Amino acid sequence: MSSIEIPTTTKDQEEKKLFFTTTDLLNKINTVLQQEQLKASPKSSDTDPLLQTQEDEPQFELQRRLPDGSTRKANNVETDYADFQAKLKQVRNASFFRD
């Protein structure tokens, strides 16, 4: 199994962060799941390749629902829009509590 580096944020970085976006949430979920898979994965190289973790692809991703009911992976513009909406909701909620 190859060694991979999982980026993590410190508690100070999270506290200084002004907004928590959809992308942040998905990245955190995928990081935690990847860490748990690495802990639980067998150490031997003789294991079935179908049971090994797939480190290159995210397990959770933002999807766009199409009019026919099917879904596809969201593109960069759609992801940016979802992040912007999350920021707007947080600003709206924060200003509501300040009044």
N, C-alpha and C. Protein backbone atom coordinates (compact mmCIF):
# COMPACT_ATOMS: atom_id res chain seq x y z
N MET A 1 0.85 -1.16 0.00
CA MET A 1 0.00 0.00 0.00
C MET A 1 0.89 1.23 0.00
N SER A 2 0.58 2.19 -0.84
CA SER A 2 1.40 3.38 -0.93
C SER A 2 1.08 4.34 0.20
N SER A 3 2.07 5.11 0.53
CA SER A 3 1.90 6.10 1.59
C SER A 3 1.31 7.37 1.00
N ILE A 4 0.26 7.88 1.63
CA ILE A 4 -0.33 9.12 1.17
C ILE A 4 -0.34 10.12 2.30
N GLU A 5 -0.34 11.39 1.94
CA GLU A 5 -0.37 12.44 2.94
C GLU A 5 -1.77 13.03 2.98
N ILE A 6 -2.38 13.03 4.15
CA ILE A 6 -3.73 13.55 4.31
C ILE A 6 -3.63 14.93 4.95
N PRO A 7 -4.08 15.98 4.23
CA PRO A 7 -3.99 17.31 4.82
C PRO A 7 -4.98 17.45 5.98
N THR A 8 -4.51 18.01 7.06
CA THR A 8 -5.38 18.24 8.20
C THR A 8 -5.23 19.69 8.63
N THR A 9 -6.27 20.22 9.21
CA THR A 9 -6.21 21.57 9.73
C THR A 9 -6.14 21.51 11.25
N THR A 10 -5.44 22.46 11.80
CA THR A 10 -5.35 22.50 13.25
C THR A 10 -6.59 23.19 13.81
N LYS A 11 -6.79 23.05 15.09
CA LYS A 11 -7.95 23.66 15.74
C LYS A 11 -7.89 25.18 15.61
N ASP A 12 -6.69 25.76 15.68
CA ASP A 12 -6.54 27.21 15.53
C ASP A 12 -6.97 27.67 14.14
N GLN A 13 -6.61 26.90 13.11
CA GLN A 13 -7.00 27.25 11.75
C GLN A 13 -8.51 27.19 11.59
N GLU A 14 -9.16 26.20 12.20
CA GLU A 14 -10.60 26.08 12.10
C GLU A 14 -11.30 27.22 12.83
N GLU A 15 -10.76 27.64 13.97
CA GLU A 15 -11.37 28.73 14.72
C GLU A 15 -11.23 30.06 14.00
N LYS A 16 -10.13 30.26 13.26
CA LYS A 16 -9.91 31.50 12.53
C LYS A 16 -10.69 31.56 11.23
N LYS A 17 -11.19 30.45 10.79
CA LYS A 17 -11.91 30.39 9.52
C LYS A 17 -13.21 31.16 9.64
N LEU A 18 -13.46 32.04 8.68
CA LEU A 18 -14.63 32.89 8.73
C LEU A 18 -15.90 32.14 8.32
N PHE A 19 -15.78 31.27 7.32
CA PHE A 19 -16.92 30.51 6.83
C PHE A 19 -16.58 29.04 6.76
N PHE A 20 -17.60 28.22 6.85
CA PHE A 20 -17.45 26.78 6.67
C PHE A 20 -18.30 26.41 5.47
N THR A 21 -17.67 26.05 4.35
CA THR A 21 -18.38 25.84 3.09
C THR A 21 -18.72 24.37 2.86
N THR A 22 -19.51 24.15 1.84
CA THR A 22 -19.88 22.79 1.44
C THR A 22 -18.63 21.99 1.08
N THR A 23 -17.71 22.61 0.37
CA THR A 23 -16.47 21.94 -0.01
C THR A 23 -15.67 21.55 1.23
N ASP A 24 -15.62 22.44 2.22
CA ASP A 24 -14.92 22.12 3.47
C ASP A 24 -15.53 20.89 4.14
N LEU A 25 -16.84 20.85 4.18
CA LEU A 25 -17.54 19.73 4.80
C LEU A 25 -17.24 18.42 4.07
N LEU A 26 -17.33 18.43 2.75
CA LEU A 26 -17.05 17.22 1.97
C LEU A 26 -15.60 16.78 2.12
N ASN A 27 -14.68 17.73 2.12
CA ASN A 27 -13.26 17.40 2.31
C ASN A 27 -13.02 16.78 3.68
N LYS A 28 -13.66 17.33 4.71
CA LYS A 28 -13.50 16.79 6.06
C LYS A 28 -14.05 15.37 6.16
N ILE A 29 -15.23 15.15 5.58
CA ILE A 29 -15.83 13.81 5.60
C ILE A 29 -14.91 12.82 4.90
N ASN A 30 -14.42 13.19 3.71
CA ASN A 30 -13.54 12.29 2.95
C ASN A 30 -12.23 12.03 3.67
N THR A 31 -11.68 13.05 4.34
CA THR A 31 -10.43 12.88 5.08
C THR A 31 -10.62 11.91 6.24
N VAL A 32 -11.69 12.09 6.98
CA VAL A 32 -11.95 11.20 8.12
C VAL A 32 -12.18 9.77 7.65
N LEU A 33 -12.96 9.61 6.60
CA LEU A 33 -13.21 8.26 6.08
C LEU A 33 -11.93 7.62 5.56
N GLN A 34 -11.10 8.41 4.89
CA GLN A 34 -9.84 7.88 4.37
C GLN A 34 -8.92 7.46 5.51
N GLN A 35 -8.85 8.26 6.57
CA GLN A 35 -8.02 7.90 7.72
C GLN A 35 -8.52 6.61 8.37
N GLU A 36 -9.83 6.48 8.50
CA GLU A 36 -10.40 5.27 9.09
C GLU A 36 -10.15 4.05 8.21
N GLN A 37 -10.23 4.21 6.91
CA GLN A 37 -9.96 3.09 6.00
C GLN A 37 -8.51 2.66 6.10
N LEU A 38 -7.60 3.64 6.20
CA LEU A 38 -6.19 3.30 6.31
C LEU A 38 -5.90 2.57 7.61
N LYS A 39 -6.58 2.96 8.68
CA LYS A 39 -6.39 2.26 9.96
C LYS A 39 -6.90 0.82 9.88
N ALA A 40 -8.01 0.62 9.18
CA ALA A 40 -8.64 -0.69 9.14
C ALA A 40 -8.12 -1.58 8.03
N SER A 41 -7.36 -1.03 7.10
CA SER A 41 -6.91 -1.83 5.96
C SER A 41 -5.86 -2.84 6.39
N PRO A 42 -5.87 -4.00 5.75
CA PRO A 42 -4.87 -5.03 6.06
C PRO A 42 -3.48 -4.55 5.65
N LYS A 43 -2.48 -4.95 6.40
CA LYS A 43 -1.10 -4.52 6.14
C LYS A 43 -0.41 -5.36 5.08
N SER A 44 -0.94 -6.50 4.77
CA SER A 44 -0.25 -7.39 3.83
C SER A 44 -0.54 -6.98 2.39
N SER A 45 0.42 -7.16 1.52
CA SER A 45 0.25 -6.81 0.11
C SER A 45 -0.43 -7.94 -0.67
N ASP A 46 -0.75 -9.06 0.00
CA ASP A 46 -1.36 -10.20 -0.66
C ASP A 46 -2.89 -10.12 -0.66
N THR A 47 -3.44 -8.99 -0.26
CA THR A 47 -4.89 -8.89 -0.14
C THR A 47 -5.55 -8.72 -1.51
N ASP A 48 -6.81 -8.96 -1.53
CA ASP A 48 -7.61 -8.81 -2.74
C ASP A 48 -7.64 -7.34 -3.15
N PRO A 49 -7.26 -6.99 -4.38
CA PRO A 49 -7.24 -5.58 -4.79
C PRO A 49 -8.62 -4.95 -4.78
N LEU A 50 -9.67 -5.74 -4.88
CA LEU A 50 -11.02 -5.18 -4.86
C LEU A 50 -11.41 -4.70 -3.46
N LEU A 51 -10.75 -5.22 -2.44
CA LEU A 51 -11.05 -4.83 -1.07
C LEU A 51 -10.21 -3.66 -0.59
N GLN A 52 -9.18 -3.29 -1.36
CA GLN A 52 -8.32 -2.19 -0.95
C GLN A 52 -9.02 -0.85 -1.16
N THR A 53 -8.61 0.14 -0.36
CA THR A 53 -9.22 1.46 -0.48
C THR A 53 -8.81 2.12 -1.78
N GLN A 54 -9.71 2.91 -2.31
CA GLN A 54 -9.41 3.67 -3.50
C GLN A 54 -9.07 5.08 -3.06
N GLU A 55 -7.77 5.38 -3.03
CA GLU A 55 -7.29 6.62 -2.45
C GLU A 55 -7.41 7.81 -3.39
N ASP A 56 -7.54 7.57 -4.68
CA ASP A 56 -7.54 8.66 -5.63
C ASP A 56 -8.89 9.34 -5.78
N GLU A 57 -9.96 8.65 -5.51
CA GLU A 57 -11.29 9.20 -5.73
C GLU A 57 -11.97 9.52 -4.41
N PRO A 58 -12.70 10.65 -4.37
CA PRO A 58 -13.43 10.97 -3.15
C PRO A 58 -14.60 10.01 -2.96
N GLN A 59 -14.95 9.79 -1.73
CA GLN A 59 -16.08 8.93 -1.46
C GLN A 59 -17.38 9.72 -1.47
N PHE A 60 -17.30 11.00 -1.07
CA PHE A 60 -18.44 11.89 -1.12
C PHE A 60 -18.10 13.04 -2.03
N GLU A 61 -19.05 13.44 -2.85
CA GLU A 61 -18.82 14.56 -3.75
C GLU A 61 -20.13 15.29 -3.96
N LEU A 62 -20.03 16.56 -4.31
CA LEU A 62 -21.20 17.35 -4.59
C LEU A 62 -21.76 16.93 -5.94
N GLN A 63 -23.07 16.72 -6.00
CA GLN A 63 -23.69 16.27 -7.25
C GLN A 63 -24.77 17.24 -7.68
N ARG A 64 -25.01 17.27 -8.96
CA ARG A 64 -26.05 18.11 -9.54
C ARG A 64 -27.18 17.20 -9.99
N ARG A 65 -28.40 17.49 -9.55
CA ARG A 65 -29.55 16.70 -9.97
C ARG A 65 -30.09 17.29 -11.27
N LEU A 66 -30.25 16.44 -12.26
CA LEU A 66 -30.74 16.85 -13.58
C LEU A 66 -32.26 16.75 -13.62
N PRO A 67 -32.89 17.43 -14.59
CA PRO A 67 -34.36 17.43 -14.67
C PRO A 67 -34.98 16.03 -14.77
N ASP A 68 -34.26 15.08 -15.36
CA ASP A 68 -34.81 13.73 -15.49
C ASP A 68 -34.65 12.90 -14.21
N GLY A 69 -34.07 13.49 -13.17
CA GLY A 69 -33.91 12.80 -11.89
C GLY A 69 -32.55 12.17 -11.70
N SER A 70 -31.75 12.09 -12.75
CA SER A 70 -30.41 11.52 -12.62
C SER A 70 -29.47 12.56 -12.02
N THR A 71 -28.29 12.13 -11.65
CA THR A 71 -27.31 13.04 -11.06
C THR A 71 -25.98 12.89 -11.77
N ARG A 72 -25.17 13.93 -11.65
CA ARG A 72 -23.79 13.89 -12.14
C ARG A 72 -22.94 14.70 -11.19
N LYS A 73 -21.64 14.52 -11.26
CA LYS A 73 -20.73 15.26 -10.40
C LYS A 73 -20.82 16.75 -10.73
N ALA A 74 -20.87 17.58 -9.70
CA ALA A 74 -20.95 19.02 -9.90
C ALA A 74 -19.63 19.54 -10.47
N ASN A 75 -19.72 20.50 -11.38
CA ASN A 75 -18.50 21.09 -11.93
C ASN A 75 -18.02 22.22 -11.00
N ASN A 76 -16.92 22.86 -11.36
CA ASN A 76 -16.32 23.88 -10.50
C ASN A 76 -17.26 25.06 -10.26
N VAL A 77 -17.99 25.47 -11.27
CA VAL A 77 -18.91 26.60 -11.13
C VAL A 77 -20.02 26.24 -10.14
N GLU A 78 -20.56 25.06 -10.24
CA GLU A 78 -21.63 24.62 -9.34
C GLU A 78 -21.11 24.46 -7.90
N THR A 79 -19.90 23.99 -7.76
CA THR A 79 -19.29 23.86 -6.44
C THR A 79 -19.06 25.23 -5.82
N ASP A 80 -18.55 26.17 -6.62
CA ASP A 80 -18.34 27.53 -6.13
C ASP A 80 -19.67 28.17 -5.73
N TYR A 81 -20.70 27.91 -6.50
CA TYR A 81 -22.03 28.46 -6.19
C TYR A 81 -22.56 27.88 -4.87
N ALA A 82 -22.38 26.59 -4.67
CA ALA A 82 -22.82 25.96 -3.41
C ALA A 82 -22.05 26.54 -2.22
N ASP A 83 -20.75 26.77 -2.40
CA ASP A 83 -19.95 27.38 -1.34
C ASP A 83 -20.43 28.80 -1.04
N PHE A 84 -20.74 29.55 -2.09
CA PHE A 84 -21.23 30.91 -1.93
C PHE A 84 -22.57 30.92 -1.18
N GLN A 85 -23.46 30.00 -1.54
CA GLN A 85 -24.74 29.91 -0.84
C GLN A 85 -24.55 29.58 0.64
N ALA A 86 -23.61 28.71 0.94
CA ALA A 86 -23.34 28.35 2.34
C ALA A 86 -22.83 29.58 3.10
N LYS A 87 -21.97 30.36 2.46
CA LYS A 87 -21.46 31.58 3.11
C LYS A 87 -22.59 32.57 3.35
N LEU A 88 -23.47 32.75 2.36
CA LEU A 88 -24.59 33.67 2.51
C LEU A 88 -25.50 33.26 3.67
N LYS A 89 -25.78 31.97 3.77
CA LYS A 89 -26.63 31.49 4.87
C LYS A 89 -25.97 31.74 6.22
N GLN A 90 -24.66 31.57 6.29
CA GLN A 90 -23.96 31.79 7.55
C GLN A 90 -23.97 33.27 7.93
N VAL A 91 -23.81 34.15 6.94
CA VAL A 91 -23.85 35.59 7.21
C VAL A 91 -25.24 35.98 7.66
N ARG A 92 -26.25 35.46 6.98
CA ARG A 92 -27.63 35.78 7.34
C ARG A 92 -27.93 35.31 8.76
N ASN A 93 -27.53 34.11 9.11
CA ASN A 93 -27.76 33.59 10.46
C ASN A 93 -26.98 34.36 11.52
N ALA A 94 -25.74 34.74 11.20
CA ALA A 94 -24.94 35.48 12.16
C ALA A 94 -25.53 36.86 12.41
N SER A 95 -26.01 37.54 11.37
CA SER A 95 -26.58 38.86 11.56
C SER A 95 -27.92 38.76 12.30
N PHE A 96 -28.63 37.66 12.15
CA PHE A 96 -29.90 37.46 12.85
C PHE A 96 -29.66 37.39 14.36
N PHE A 97 -28.60 36.74 14.77
CA PHE A 97 -28.32 36.58 16.19
C PHE A 97 -27.73 37.84 16.81
N ARG A 98 -27.15 38.70 15.99
CA ARG A 98 -26.55 39.92 16.52
C ARG A 98 -27.60 40.98 16.85
N ASP A 99 -28.73 40.95 16.17
CA ASP A 99 -29.77 41.98 16.38
C ASP A 99 -30.53 41.76 17.65
